[in-house]
N, C-alpha and C. Protein backbone atom coordinates (compact mmCIF):
# COMPACT_ATOMS: atom_id res chain seq x y z
N MET A 1 -45.06 -25.70 24.84
CA MET A 1 -44.37 -25.41 25.78
C MET A 1 -44.56 -24.44 27.56
N LYS A 2 -43.65 -25.10 28.85
CA LYS A 2 -43.83 -24.85 29.78
C LYS A 2 -42.59 -24.83 30.91
N ILE A 3 -42.99 -24.03 31.67
CA ILE A 3 -42.55 -23.06 32.74
C ILE A 3 -42.24 -24.10 33.93
N THR A 4 -41.80 -24.67 33.88
CA THR A 4 -41.34 -25.79 35.22
C THR A 4 -41.63 -24.84 36.75
N ALA A 5 -41.99 -24.05 36.99
CA ALA A 5 -42.24 -23.39 38.35
C ALA A 5 -43.09 -22.36 38.93
N LYS A 6 -43.89 -23.20 40.40
CA LYS A 6 -45.06 -22.26 40.27
C LYS A 6 -45.65 -20.35 39.86
N TYR A 7 -46.80 -20.52 39.52
CA TYR A 7 -47.14 -18.78 38.59
C TYR A 7 -47.25 -18.00 40.63
N TYR A 8 -47.68 -18.16 40.94
CA TYR A 8 -48.10 -16.95 42.15
C TYR A 8 -47.38 -18.10 43.62
N HIS A 9 -47.25 -17.62 44.31
CA HIS A 9 -46.93 -17.32 46.03
C HIS A 9 -48.23 -17.88 46.16
N GLY A 10 -48.08 -18.39 47.18
CA GLY A 10 -49.07 -19.33 48.37
C GLY A 10 -49.59 -18.35 48.71
N ALA A 11 -50.56 -18.52 49.65
CA ALA A 11 -51.56 -18.05 50.43
C ALA A 11 -50.52 -16.86 51.77
N CYS A 12 -50.62 -15.87 52.49
CA CYS A 12 -50.25 -15.08 53.22
C CYS A 12 -49.58 -16.42 54.47
N SER A 13 -50.56 -17.40 54.67
CA SER A 13 -50.01 -17.93 55.76
C SER A 13 -49.01 -19.29 55.39
N LYS A 14 -49.29 -19.85 54.22
CA LYS A 14 -48.56 -20.40 54.20
C LYS A 14 -46.71 -20.21 53.30
N SER A 15 -46.70 -18.80 52.64
CA SER A 15 -45.66 -17.79 52.22
C SER A 15 -44.52 -18.09 52.70
N ARG A 16 -43.44 -18.15 52.45
CA ARG A 16 -42.62 -17.84 52.99
C ARG A 16 -42.09 -15.94 53.33
N CYS A 17 -42.53 -15.33 52.90
CA CYS A 17 -41.92 -14.19 52.95
C CYS A 17 -43.00 -13.81 54.18
N ARG A 18 -42.71 -12.74 55.07
CA ARG A 18 -43.58 -11.89 56.63
C ARG A 18 -44.31 -10.43 55.71
N ASP A 19 -44.95 -10.29 55.63
CA ASP A 19 -46.26 -9.06 56.25
C ASP A 19 -47.11 -9.87 56.10
N CYS A 20 -46.96 -10.56 55.10
CA CYS A 20 -48.40 -10.93 53.73
C CYS A 20 -47.86 -10.30 52.54
N ARG A 21 -47.09 -9.01 52.30
CA ARG A 21 -46.52 -8.57 50.78
C ARG A 21 -45.31 -8.85 50.19
N ILE A 22 -45.84 -8.52 48.85
CA ILE A 22 -45.21 -9.07 48.02
C ILE A 22 -43.76 -9.11 47.95
N CYS A 23 -43.75 -10.14 48.26
CA CYS A 23 -42.36 -11.27 48.72
C CYS A 23 -41.10 -10.78 47.04
N PRO A 24 -39.84 -10.30 48.16
CA PRO A 24 -38.81 -9.98 47.00
C PRO A 24 -38.37 -11.03 46.57
N GLU A 25 -39.08 -12.72 46.95
CA GLU A 25 -38.18 -13.62 46.18
C GLU A 25 -38.95 -13.27 44.53
N ARG A 26 -39.89 -13.02 44.13
CA ARG A 26 -40.66 -12.55 42.64
C ARG A 26 -39.32 -12.37 41.96
N GLY A 27 -38.11 -12.32 42.71
CA GLY A 27 -36.88 -12.27 41.53
C GLY A 27 -36.63 -13.52 40.96
N ASP A 28 -37.03 -14.36 41.50
CA ASP A 28 -36.86 -15.57 41.36
C ASP A 28 -37.24 -15.97 40.20
N PHE A 29 -38.34 -15.74 39.78
CA PHE A 29 -38.64 -15.22 37.91
C PHE A 29 -38.72 -14.89 37.21
N ALA A 30 -37.90 -13.63 37.23
CA ALA A 30 -37.20 -13.11 36.56
C ALA A 30 -35.86 -13.47 35.41
N ASN A 31 -35.71 -14.71 35.75
CA ASN A 31 -35.17 -15.81 35.34
C ASN A 31 -35.35 -17.42 34.18
N LEU A 32 -36.62 -17.19 34.35
CA LEU A 32 -37.48 -18.48 34.03
C LEU A 32 -37.14 -18.84 32.89
N ARG A 33 -36.64 -19.83 32.79
CA ARG A 33 -35.98 -20.64 31.51
C ARG A 33 -37.19 -21.11 30.64
N LEU A 34 -37.82 -21.06 29.57
CA LEU A 34 -38.76 -21.67 28.50
C LEU A 34 -38.28 -23.36 28.29
N THR A 35 -39.39 -23.50 28.26
CA THR A 35 -38.78 -25.48 27.86
C THR A 35 -39.84 -25.74 27.72
N LEU A 36 -39.31 -26.05 25.58
CA LEU A 36 -40.31 -26.01 24.41
C LEU A 36 -40.68 -27.64 24.44
N LYS A 37 -42.27 -28.00 24.40
CA LYS A 37 -42.15 -29.83 24.54
C LYS A 37 -41.90 -30.07 22.94
N THR A 38 -41.30 -31.19 23.37
CA THR A 38 -41.25 -31.77 21.85
C THR A 38 -42.19 -32.13 21.51
N LYS A 39 -43.61 -31.87 21.40
CA LYS A 39 -44.37 -32.50 20.47
C LYS A 39 -44.81 -30.98 19.66
N LEU A 40 -45.41 -31.62 18.30
CA LEU A 40 -45.29 -30.61 17.40
C LEU A 40 -47.36 -30.28 17.84
N ALA A 41 -48.45 -29.29 17.90
CA ALA A 41 -49.46 -28.92 17.71
C ALA A 41 -50.05 -29.11 16.67
N ILE A 42 -49.38 -29.90 14.97
CA ILE A 42 -49.99 -29.58 14.49
C ILE A 42 -49.21 -31.35 13.71
N SER A 43 -50.02 -31.51 13.04
CA SER A 43 -48.50 -32.94 12.45
C SER A 43 -47.87 -32.60 10.85
N ILE A 44 -46.90 -32.61 11.13
CA ILE A 44 -45.62 -32.58 9.96
C ILE A 44 -46.48 -33.00 8.66
N ALA A 45 -46.54 -33.96 8.65
CA ALA A 45 -47.33 -34.87 7.80
C ALA A 45 -48.21 -34.29 7.10
N LEU A 46 -49.46 -33.33 7.91
CA LEU A 46 -50.70 -33.02 7.26
C LEU A 46 -50.41 -31.64 6.45
N LEU A 47 -49.07 -30.83 7.57
CA LEU A 47 -48.11 -29.89 6.60
C LEU A 47 -48.20 -30.42 5.45
N ALA A 48 -46.81 -30.86 5.19
CA ALA A 48 -46.03 -31.82 4.54
C ALA A 48 -47.02 -31.89 2.68
N ALA A 49 -48.57 -32.74 2.94
CA ALA A 49 -49.45 -32.34 2.69
C ALA A 49 -50.06 -31.76 1.62
N ALA A 50 -49.93 -30.66 2.59
CA ALA A 50 -50.67 -28.72 2.07
C ALA A 50 -49.83 -28.28 1.34
N LEU A 51 -48.80 -29.00 1.77
CA LEU A 51 -47.67 -27.72 1.10
C LEU A 51 -47.16 -28.50 -0.19
N ALA A 52 -47.64 -29.95 -0.67
CA ALA A 52 -47.81 -30.50 -1.72
C ALA A 52 -48.51 -30.01 -2.79
N THR A 53 -49.58 -29.71 -2.18
CA THR A 53 -51.04 -29.72 -3.27
C THR A 53 -51.28 -27.81 -3.23
N SER A 54 -50.03 -27.34 -2.35
CA SER A 54 -50.36 -25.61 -3.10
C SER A 54 -49.39 -25.16 -3.92
N PRO A 55 -50.02 -23.84 -4.79
CA PRO A 55 -49.38 -24.37 -5.80
C PRO A 55 -48.26 -23.09 -5.90
N GLY A 56 -48.23 -22.27 -4.79
CA GLY A 56 -47.32 -21.44 -4.28
C GLY A 56 -46.36 -20.62 -4.88
N GLN A 57 -46.65 -19.51 -4.69
CA GLN A 57 -46.24 -18.10 -5.27
C GLN A 57 -45.79 -16.90 -4.79
N SER A 58 -45.16 -17.39 -3.65
CA SER A 58 -44.62 -16.07 -2.89
C SER A 58 -43.56 -16.53 -2.83
N GLY A 59 -43.36 -14.31 -3.23
CA GLY A 59 -42.45 -13.50 -2.83
C GLY A 59 -40.88 -14.27 -2.37
N ALA A 60 -39.36 -14.84 -2.20
CA ALA A 60 -38.60 -15.03 -1.54
C ALA A 60 -37.97 -14.02 -1.42
N ALA A 61 -36.59 -13.52 -0.22
CA ALA A 61 -36.60 -12.03 -0.41
C ALA A 61 -35.11 -12.68 -0.74
N GLY A 62 -34.82 -12.56 -1.91
CA GLY A 62 -33.42 -13.00 -2.26
C GLY A 62 -32.57 -13.80 -1.67
N GLY A 63 -31.39 -12.61 -1.74
CA GLY A 63 -30.75 -14.15 -1.09
C GLY A 63 -30.51 -14.23 0.19
N ALA A 64 -31.46 -13.58 1.22
CA ALA A 64 -31.40 -13.75 2.17
C ALA A 64 -31.47 -14.81 2.99
N ASP A 65 -32.49 -16.14 1.50
CA ASP A 65 -33.63 -17.24 2.34
C ASP A 65 -32.62 -18.15 2.94
N ALA A 66 -31.64 -17.81 2.86
CA ALA A 66 -30.60 -18.43 3.98
C ALA A 66 -31.11 -19.10 4.94
N LYS A 67 -31.78 -17.58 5.55
CA LYS A 67 -31.87 -17.55 6.69
C LYS A 67 -33.28 -17.37 6.65
N LEU A 68 -34.07 -17.85 8.45
CA LEU A 68 -35.33 -17.97 8.45
C LEU A 68 -36.07 -16.87 8.78
N GLY A 69 -37.18 -16.58 8.30
CA GLY A 69 -37.71 -15.65 8.43
C GLY A 69 -38.19 -15.33 10.04
N ILE A 70 -38.68 -14.65 10.55
CA ILE A 70 -39.33 -14.64 11.61
C ILE A 70 -39.69 -13.45 12.00
N TYR A 71 -41.31 -13.50 12.35
CA TYR A 71 -42.29 -12.30 12.26
C TYR A 71 -42.56 -12.44 13.61
N VAL A 72 -41.86 -11.08 14.03
CA VAL A 72 -42.17 -11.12 15.62
C VAL A 72 -43.85 -10.32 16.35
N GLU A 73 -44.43 -9.91 16.41
CA GLU A 73 -45.85 -9.79 16.20
C GLU A 73 -46.06 -9.39 18.23
N CYS A 74 -46.19 -7.37 18.36
CA CYS A 74 -45.88 -7.56 20.06
C CYS A 74 -47.00 -6.49 20.00
N HIS A 75 -47.83 -6.61 21.31
CA HIS A 75 -48.99 -6.45 22.16
C HIS A 75 -48.12 -5.74 23.46
N CYS A 76 -47.63 -4.97 23.96
CA CYS A 76 -47.27 -4.78 24.89
C CYS A 76 -46.91 -3.35 25.33
N SER A 77 -47.86 -3.01 25.74
CA SER A 77 -47.68 -0.95 26.22
C SER A 77 -47.39 -0.92 27.66
N ASP A 78 -47.14 -1.95 28.36
CA ASP A 78 -46.26 -1.31 29.97
C ASP A 78 -44.29 -1.69 29.60
N PRO A 79 -43.46 -0.78 30.61
CA PRO A 79 -42.46 -0.33 30.05
C PRO A 79 -41.75 -1.56 29.62
N VAL A 80 -42.43 -2.43 30.86
CA VAL A 80 -41.20 -4.28 30.78
C VAL A 80 -41.44 -4.70 29.58
N GLY A 81 -42.55 -5.09 29.46
CA GLY A 81 -42.84 -5.60 27.97
C GLY A 81 -42.19 -5.55 27.04
N ASP A 82 -42.39 -3.89 27.10
CA ASP A 82 -41.68 -3.05 25.78
C ASP A 82 -40.33 -3.90 25.45
N ASP A 83 -39.56 -3.21 26.90
CA ASP A 83 -37.99 -3.27 26.56
C ASP A 83 -37.92 -5.29 26.13
N PHE A 84 -38.88 -6.11 27.08
CA PHE A 84 -38.44 -6.85 26.16
C PHE A 84 -39.14 -7.57 24.63
N CYS A 85 -40.04 -7.08 24.19
CA CYS A 85 -40.32 -7.42 22.93
C CYS A 85 -38.99 -6.65 22.12
N GLY A 86 -38.76 -5.73 22.05
CA GLY A 86 -37.60 -4.84 21.77
C GLY A 86 -36.29 -5.42 21.46
N ALA A 87 -36.21 -5.81 22.78
CA ALA A 87 -34.76 -6.96 22.90
C ALA A 87 -35.23 -8.62 22.21
N VAL A 88 -36.36 -8.87 21.49
CA VAL A 88 -36.28 -10.46 21.27
C VAL A 88 -36.30 -9.49 19.50
N LYS A 89 -36.75 -8.55 19.40
CA LYS A 89 -36.45 -8.34 17.69
C LYS A 89 -34.95 -8.80 17.17
N ASP A 90 -34.26 -7.39 18.97
CA ASP A 90 -32.42 -7.66 18.58
C ASP A 90 -31.99 -8.66 18.53
N LYS A 91 -32.83 -9.62 19.32
CA LYS A 91 -31.73 -11.03 19.06
C LYS A 91 -32.11 -11.67 18.07
N VAL A 92 -33.25 -11.54 17.22
CA VAL A 92 -33.65 -11.90 16.08
C VAL A 92 -32.43 -11.45 14.98
N LYS A 93 -32.68 -9.47 14.59
CA LYS A 93 -31.28 -9.23 14.31
C LYS A 93 -29.84 -9.61 14.30
N ASP A 94 -29.91 -10.23 15.15
CA ASP A 94 -28.78 -10.28 14.89
C ASP A 94 -27.76 -11.25 15.09
N SER A 95 -29.42 -12.33 14.54
CA SER A 95 -28.78 -14.00 14.23
C SER A 95 -27.98 -14.50 13.11
N THR A 96 -27.28 -15.21 13.15
CA THR A 96 -26.90 -15.71 12.13
C THR A 96 -27.86 -16.68 11.22
N ALA A 97 -28.73 -16.73 12.12
CA ALA A 97 -29.50 -18.62 11.52
C ALA A 97 -31.63 -17.47 11.45
N TYR A 98 -31.46 -16.43 11.48
CA TYR A 98 -32.82 -15.86 11.36
C TYR A 98 -32.94 -13.67 11.05
N ARG A 99 -33.54 -13.95 10.01
CA ARG A 99 -34.38 -12.67 9.45
C ARG A 99 -35.34 -11.80 10.60
N LEU A 100 -35.49 -10.85 10.79
CA LEU A 100 -37.30 -10.52 11.22
C LEU A 100 -37.62 -9.30 9.92
N VAL A 101 -38.65 -10.16 10.36
CA VAL A 101 -39.00 -9.90 9.32
C VAL A 101 -40.63 -8.76 9.61
N GLU A 102 -41.02 -7.65 8.28
CA GLU A 102 -42.21 -6.99 9.52
C GLU A 102 -43.27 -7.19 9.22
N HIS A 103 -43.51 -8.60 8.25
CA HIS A 103 -44.96 -9.34 7.85
C HIS A 103 -44.79 -10.49 7.10
N PRO A 104 -45.25 -11.59 7.42
CA PRO A 104 -44.69 -12.84 7.42
C PRO A 104 -45.24 -12.95 5.94
N ASP A 105 -43.54 -12.97 4.89
CA ASP A 105 -42.96 -13.11 3.89
C ASP A 105 -43.03 -14.23 3.67
N SER A 106 -42.69 -15.53 2.46
CA SER A 106 -42.33 -16.65 1.78
C SER A 106 -42.56 -17.94 2.92
N TYR A 107 -42.12 -17.69 3.98
CA TYR A 107 -41.72 -19.17 5.13
C TYR A 107 -41.33 -18.58 6.07
N GLY A 108 -41.40 -18.69 8.05
CA GLY A 108 -41.23 -18.84 9.06
C GLY A 108 -42.13 -18.55 9.96
N ILE A 109 -41.53 -18.67 11.12
CA ILE A 109 -42.00 -18.69 12.06
C ILE A 109 -42.66 -17.32 12.43
N GLY A 110 -44.32 -17.68 13.57
CA GLY A 110 -44.35 -16.10 13.81
C GLY A 110 -44.08 -16.31 15.69
N VAL A 111 -43.77 -15.04 16.01
CA VAL A 111 -43.47 -15.40 16.59
C VAL A 111 -44.45 -13.80 18.66
N HIS A 112 -46.33 -14.10 18.81
CA HIS A 112 -46.58 -13.36 19.22
C HIS A 112 -46.76 -12.86 20.54
N LEU A 113 -46.20 -11.97 20.79
CA LEU A 113 -45.96 -11.58 22.49
C LEU A 113 -47.64 -10.60 22.80
N PHE A 114 -48.30 -10.54 24.08
CA PHE A 114 -48.76 -10.61 24.36
C PHE A 114 -48.28 -9.77 26.28
N CYS A 115 -48.37 -8.83 26.03
CA CYS A 115 -47.83 -8.30 27.45
C CYS A 115 -48.12 -7.12 28.86
N ILE A 116 -49.16 -7.57 29.44
CA ILE A 116 -49.37 -6.62 30.83
C ILE A 116 -48.29 -6.47 31.74
N ASP A 117 -48.65 -4.86 32.61
CA ASP A 117 -47.99 -5.36 34.09
C ASP A 117 -48.53 -5.80 35.35
N MET A 118 -47.25 -6.73 35.50
CA MET A 118 -47.89 -7.55 37.04
C MET A 118 -48.41 -7.08 38.15
N PHE A 119 -47.91 -5.42 38.34
CA PHE A 119 -48.89 -5.21 39.88
C PHE A 119 -49.66 -3.80 38.91
N SER A 120 -49.56 -3.47 37.66
CA SER A 120 -50.47 -1.88 37.79
C SER A 120 -51.65 -1.82 38.34
N LYS A 121 -52.46 -1.61 38.98
CA LYS A 121 -53.68 -0.46 39.97
C LYS A 121 -54.44 -2.32 39.82
N LEU A 122 -54.05 -2.98 40.60
CA LEU A 122 -53.87 -3.93 42.41
C LEU A 122 -53.81 -3.55 43.74
N PRO A 123 -55.44 -3.48 44.20
CA PRO A 123 -55.33 -2.99 45.23
C PRO A 123 -54.32 -4.24 46.35
N THR A 124 -54.31 -3.04 47.25
CA THR A 124 -52.96 -3.83 48.12
C THR A 124 -51.91 -3.66 48.04
N VAL A 125 -51.07 -3.47 46.72
CA VAL A 125 -49.72 -3.51 46.08
C VAL A 125 -49.29 -2.54 45.61
N ASP A 126 -48.35 -1.76 46.65
CA ASP A 126 -46.97 -1.01 46.76
C ASP A 126 -46.95 -0.56 44.60
N SER A 127 -48.05 0.98 44.79
CA SER A 127 -47.46 1.05 43.32
C SER A 127 -45.93 1.22 43.08
N LYS A 128 -45.02 0.80 44.50
CA LYS A 128 -43.67 1.31 43.19
C LYS A 128 -43.79 0.23 42.59
N LEU A 129 -44.10 -1.11 42.73
CA LEU A 129 -43.87 -2.42 41.85
C LEU A 129 -44.38 -1.89 40.26
N SER A 130 -44.89 -1.13 40.75
CA SER A 130 -44.92 -0.84 38.94
C SER A 130 -44.56 -0.72 37.85
N GLY A 131 -44.06 -1.49 37.07
CA GLY A 131 -43.01 -1.21 35.86
C GLY A 131 -42.09 -2.22 36.15
N THR A 132 -42.17 -2.78 36.85
CA THR A 132 -41.07 -3.42 37.61
C THR A 132 -41.43 -4.94 36.94
N MET A 133 -41.95 -5.52 36.47
CA MET A 133 -42.19 -7.46 35.89
C MET A 133 -43.59 -6.66 35.28
N SER A 134 -43.16 -8.12 34.15
CA SER A 134 -44.42 -8.04 33.51
C SER A 134 -44.36 -9.73 33.25
N ALA A 135 -46.12 -9.50 32.58
CA ALA A 135 -46.62 -10.76 32.44
C ALA A 135 -46.94 -11.25 31.17
N VAL A 136 -45.97 -11.82 30.45
CA VAL A 136 -46.06 -12.41 28.69
C VAL A 136 -46.62 -13.48 28.39
N SER A 137 -47.09 -13.81 27.33
CA SER A 137 -47.98 -14.66 26.41
C SER A 137 -47.10 -14.82 25.36
N VAL A 138 -46.71 -16.22 24.81
CA VAL A 138 -46.22 -15.82 23.60
C VAL A 138 -47.12 -17.05 23.09
N ALA A 139 -47.95 -16.33 21.90
CA ALA A 139 -47.77 -18.04 20.72
C ALA A 139 -46.92 -17.98 19.58
N PHE A 140 -46.85 -18.86 19.33
CA PHE A 140 -45.56 -19.66 18.03
C PHE A 140 -46.45 -19.97 16.74
N THR A 141 -46.27 -19.72 15.94
CA THR A 141 -47.09 -19.84 14.46
C THR A 141 -45.67 -20.46 13.70
N ILE A 142 -46.25 -20.99 12.98
CA ILE A 142 -45.59 -21.08 11.47
C ILE A 142 -46.95 -20.77 10.02
N TYR A 143 -45.69 -20.19 9.83
CA TYR A 143 -46.43 -20.47 7.85
C TYR A 143 -45.41 -20.11 7.39
N ALA A 144 -46.18 -20.28 5.93
CA ALA A 144 -46.46 -20.02 4.51
C ALA A 144 -46.79 -19.83 3.44
N VAL A 145 -46.61 -18.86 2.72
CA VAL A 145 -47.35 -17.75 2.33
C VAL A 145 -47.76 -17.99 1.17
N ASP A 146 -49.40 -18.73 1.51
CA ASP A 146 -49.45 -18.84 -0.73
C ASP A 146 -49.48 -20.35 -0.44
N ARG A 147 -49.58 -20.88 0.60
CA ARG A 147 -48.82 -22.32 0.65
C ARG A 147 -49.58 -23.24 1.69
N LEU A 148 -50.02 -22.24 2.83
CA LEU A 148 -50.77 -22.34 4.04
C LEU A 148 -52.03 -22.12 4.04
N PRO A 149 -53.07 -22.40 5.18
CA PRO A 149 -54.19 -21.38 5.25
C PRO A 149 -54.03 -20.61 6.22
N GLY A 150 -53.29 -19.08 6.19
CA GLY A 150 -52.52 -18.32 6.83
C GLY A 150 -52.03 -19.22 7.94
N GLU A 151 -51.14 -18.29 9.35
CA GLU A 151 -50.58 -18.65 10.08
C GLU A 151 -51.32 -20.15 10.99
N VAL A 152 -50.56 -21.07 11.50
CA VAL A 152 -50.64 -22.38 12.00
C VAL A 152 -50.16 -22.93 12.99
N TYR A 153 -51.08 -22.42 14.49
CA TYR A 153 -50.45 -22.70 15.97
C TYR A 153 -49.51 -23.38 15.74
N ASP A 154 -48.40 -23.75 16.87
CA ASP A 154 -47.59 -23.86 17.02
C ASP A 154 -47.60 -24.42 18.51
N ASP A 155 -47.43 -23.67 19.42
CA ASP A 155 -47.25 -23.60 20.36
C ASP A 155 -47.06 -22.85 21.70
N SER A 156 -47.06 -22.79 22.88
CA SER A 156 -47.50 -21.39 23.48
C SER A 156 -46.94 -21.44 25.01
N SER A 157 -47.06 -20.02 25.21
CA SER A 157 -46.94 -20.25 26.71
C SER A 157 -46.51 -18.98 27.88
N VAL A 158 -47.13 -19.08 28.45
CA VAL A 158 -47.19 -17.42 29.78
C VAL A 158 -45.93 -17.33 30.73
N PHE A 159 -45.06 -16.45 31.21
CA PHE A 159 -44.14 -16.43 31.92
C PHE A 159 -44.35 -15.36 32.38
N ARG A 160 -43.32 -14.90 33.15
CA ARG A 160 -42.83 -13.69 33.72
C ARG A 160 -41.31 -12.89 33.39
N VAL A 161 -41.51 -12.03 33.46
CA VAL A 161 -40.27 -11.26 32.71
C VAL A 161 -40.16 -9.76 33.84
N GLY A 162 -38.89 -10.17 34.53
CA GLY A 162 -38.62 -8.80 35.57
C GLY A 162 -37.60 -7.75 34.47
N LYS A 163 -38.02 -6.19 34.43
CA LYS A 163 -37.35 -5.21 34.80
C LYS A 163 -35.50 -5.60 34.39
N ASP A 164 -34.92 -6.55 34.93
CA ASP A 164 -33.47 -6.74 34.90
C ASP A 164 -33.33 -8.15 33.93
N ALA A 165 -34.14 -8.53 33.59
CA ALA A 165 -34.01 -9.60 32.53
C ALA A 165 -34.51 -10.06 31.47
N THR A 166 -34.79 -8.97 30.47
CA THR A 166 -35.35 -8.53 30.05
C THR A 166 -34.29 -8.95 28.70
N ASP A 167 -33.19 -9.13 28.35
CA ASP A 167 -31.87 -9.56 27.60
C ASP A 167 -32.35 -10.84 27.71
N ASP A 168 -32.02 -11.63 29.43
CA ASP A 168 -31.75 -12.95 29.07
C ASP A 168 -33.07 -13.60 28.70
N MET A 169 -34.39 -13.08 29.05
CA MET A 169 -35.49 -13.94 28.81
C MET A 169 -35.84 -13.80 26.92
N ALA A 170 -34.96 -12.48 26.21
CA ALA A 170 -35.12 -12.24 24.95
C ALA A 170 -34.18 -13.52 24.31
N GLN A 171 -32.83 -13.77 24.86
CA GLN A 171 -32.11 -14.47 24.61
C GLN A 171 -33.00 -16.58 25.02
N SER A 172 -33.62 -16.69 25.63
CA SER A 172 -34.53 -18.21 26.35
C SER A 172 -35.56 -18.24 24.85
N LEU A 173 -36.17 -17.33 24.79
CA LEU A 173 -37.59 -16.86 23.44
C LEU A 173 -36.78 -17.22 22.45
N LEU A 174 -35.45 -16.76 21.88
CA LEU A 174 -35.06 -17.44 20.60
C LEU A 174 -34.42 -18.56 20.92
N THR A 175 -33.44 -19.24 22.01
CA THR A 175 -33.62 -20.91 21.47
C THR A 175 -35.17 -21.24 21.93
N ALA A 176 -36.17 -21.32 21.77
CA ALA A 176 -37.63 -21.69 21.89
C ALA A 176 -37.71 -21.24 20.80
N VAL A 177 -37.48 -20.15 19.79
CA VAL A 177 -37.49 -20.74 18.16
C VAL A 177 -36.89 -21.27 17.70
N GLY A 178 -36.09 -21.27 18.20
CA GLY A 178 -34.69 -22.44 17.85
C GLY A 178 -35.15 -23.69 17.69
N GLN A 179 -35.52 -24.06 18.55
CA GLN A 179 -36.24 -25.45 18.78
C GLN A 179 -37.07 -25.98 17.73
N ILE A 180 -38.76 -25.04 17.62
CA ILE A 180 -39.43 -24.76 17.11
C ILE A 180 -39.05 -24.92 15.56
N ALA A 181 -38.38 -24.41 14.68
CA ALA A 181 -37.26 -24.45 13.56
C ALA A 181 -36.81 -26.45 13.20
N THR A 182 -36.32 -26.32 14.19
CA THR A 182 -35.88 -28.09 14.48
C THR A 182 -37.13 -28.60 14.52
N ALA A 183 -37.60 -28.54 14.55
CA ALA A 183 -38.85 -29.75 14.93
C ALA A 183 -39.18 -29.71 13.04
N ASN A 184 -39.40 -28.67 12.92
CA ASN A 184 -40.15 -28.29 11.81
C ASN A 184 -38.68 -27.94 10.22
N LYS A 185 -38.31 -28.51 10.56
CA LYS A 185 -36.47 -28.44 9.65
C LYS A 185 -37.55 -28.72 8.14
N PRO A 186 -38.48 -30.29 8.38
CA PRO A 186 -38.61 -30.78 6.83
C PRO A 186 -39.68 -29.90 6.02
N VAL A 187 -40.64 -29.45 7.04
CA VAL A 187 -41.26 -28.44 6.71
C VAL A 187 -40.62 -27.79 5.56
N PHE A 188 -40.24 -26.52 6.90
CA PHE A 188 -39.00 -25.84 5.71
C PHE A 188 -37.86 -26.00 4.35
N GLU A 189 -37.81 -26.98 4.67
CA GLU A 189 -37.26 -27.53 3.48
C GLU A 189 -37.91 -27.47 2.12
N LYS A 190 -38.82 -28.27 2.42
CA LYS A 190 -39.50 -28.98 0.98
C LYS A 190 -39.60 -27.18 0.42
N ILE A 191 -40.25 -26.61 1.36
CA ILE A 191 -40.96 -25.09 1.25
C ILE A 191 -39.66 -24.41 -0.01
N ARG A 192 -38.32 -24.88 0.91
CA ARG A 192 -36.82 -23.89 -0.19
C ARG A 192 -37.34 -24.62 -1.30
N ALA A 193 -37.24 -26.35 -1.37
CA ALA A 193 -37.14 -27.26 -2.51
C ALA A 193 -37.78 -26.57 -4.19
N ALA A 194 -39.26 -26.32 -2.87
CA ALA A 194 -40.36 -26.22 -4.49
C ALA A 194 -40.13 -24.08 -4.39
N GLU A 195 -40.28 -23.52 -3.84
CA GLU A 195 -39.18 -22.43 -4.89
C GLU A 195 -38.51 -22.64 -5.16
N LYS A 196 -37.05 -23.04 -5.42
CA LYS A 196 -36.65 -22.97 -5.94
C LYS A 196 -36.82 -23.91 -7.51
N ALA A 197 -37.43 -24.39 -7.22
CA ALA A 197 -37.51 -25.32 -8.33
C ALA A 197 -39.21 -24.81 -9.48
N GLU A 198 -39.72 -23.36 -8.24
CA GLU A 198 -40.34 -22.60 -8.72
C GLU A 198 -39.55 -21.19 -9.73
N LYS A 199 -38.50 -21.50 -9.07
CA LYS A 199 -37.67 -19.80 -9.77
C LYS A 199 -36.87 -20.20 -11.41
N PRO A 200 -37.58 -19.71 -12.12
CA PRO A 200 -37.22 -19.50 -13.36
C PRO A 200 -35.75 -19.44 -14.12
N VAL A 201 -35.45 -20.64 -14.96
CA VAL A 201 -33.72 -20.57 -15.09
C VAL A 201 -33.37 -19.26 -15.77
N PRO A 202 -32.63 -18.43 -15.53
CA PRO A 202 -32.47 -17.07 -16.73
C PRO A 202 -31.47 -17.94 -17.86
N THR A 203 -31.97 -16.93 -18.84
CA THR A 203 -31.17 -17.41 -20.20
C THR A 203 -30.64 -16.58 -21.36
N ALA A 204 -29.63 -16.93 -21.82
CA ALA A 204 -28.70 -16.00 -21.84
C ALA A 204 -29.44 -15.68 -23.55
N THR A 205 -28.56 -14.20 -23.56
CA THR A 205 -29.28 -13.47 -24.34
C THR A 205 -28.94 -13.54 -25.59
N PRO A 206 -28.81 -13.93 -27.05
CA PRO A 206 -28.02 -13.87 -28.00
C PRO A 206 -27.33 -12.61 -28.35
N LYS A 207 -26.17 -12.78 -28.98
CA LYS A 207 -25.68 -11.29 -29.45
C LYS A 207 -25.48 -11.55 -30.71
N ILE A 208 -26.18 -10.42 -31.21
CA ILE A 208 -25.77 -9.96 -32.40
C ILE A 208 -24.65 -9.80 -33.10
N ILE A 209 -23.48 -10.01 -33.95
CA ILE A 209 -22.17 -10.45 -34.57
C ILE A 209 -22.60 -9.15 -35.84
N GLN A 210 -22.61 -8.01 -35.74
CA GLN A 210 -22.88 -7.01 -37.39
C GLN A 210 -21.69 -7.55 -38.05
């Protein structure tokens, strides 16, 4: 995953902003689109092989299995990052395709967020800018409890989120999750089929007529 924009403004001599201050154009970065690369960090064939050789005793979440589990882990102490994390979780909850889980269960996608305030404790930066923008790092993983050796790295990205763009960026992140889900669809279908095959078939209890 990559962000198709320059991460920092140029040096003062080359900047479009006057007086060498923080450029108001920083707002341009508040709505950066996440663009997921079309390659996987791991081979689906290797994943399928691992799944085929694992017995699999994971407990699925009943009728909610039709929705893919999304585990969102947040390490965001700054206000913008915290709002962004909450917005991501809300998007997952409201989605018709995913379900938010508190910990990896059965199988799904992990979303690991790390955020810091862009302007906090920076010398020569106006303190009023603190709390207006967060630098966010996200790592995506694939997990299948009892079938894969922990969470397996899939992709990652670093981007900025402005305080007025948390909802838009959360939607962009959910779109990226959808791209990962699509790329790994054969893996998830294999897991789903294996779990259905492992579920015991209920037998009818004979009724004794006296």
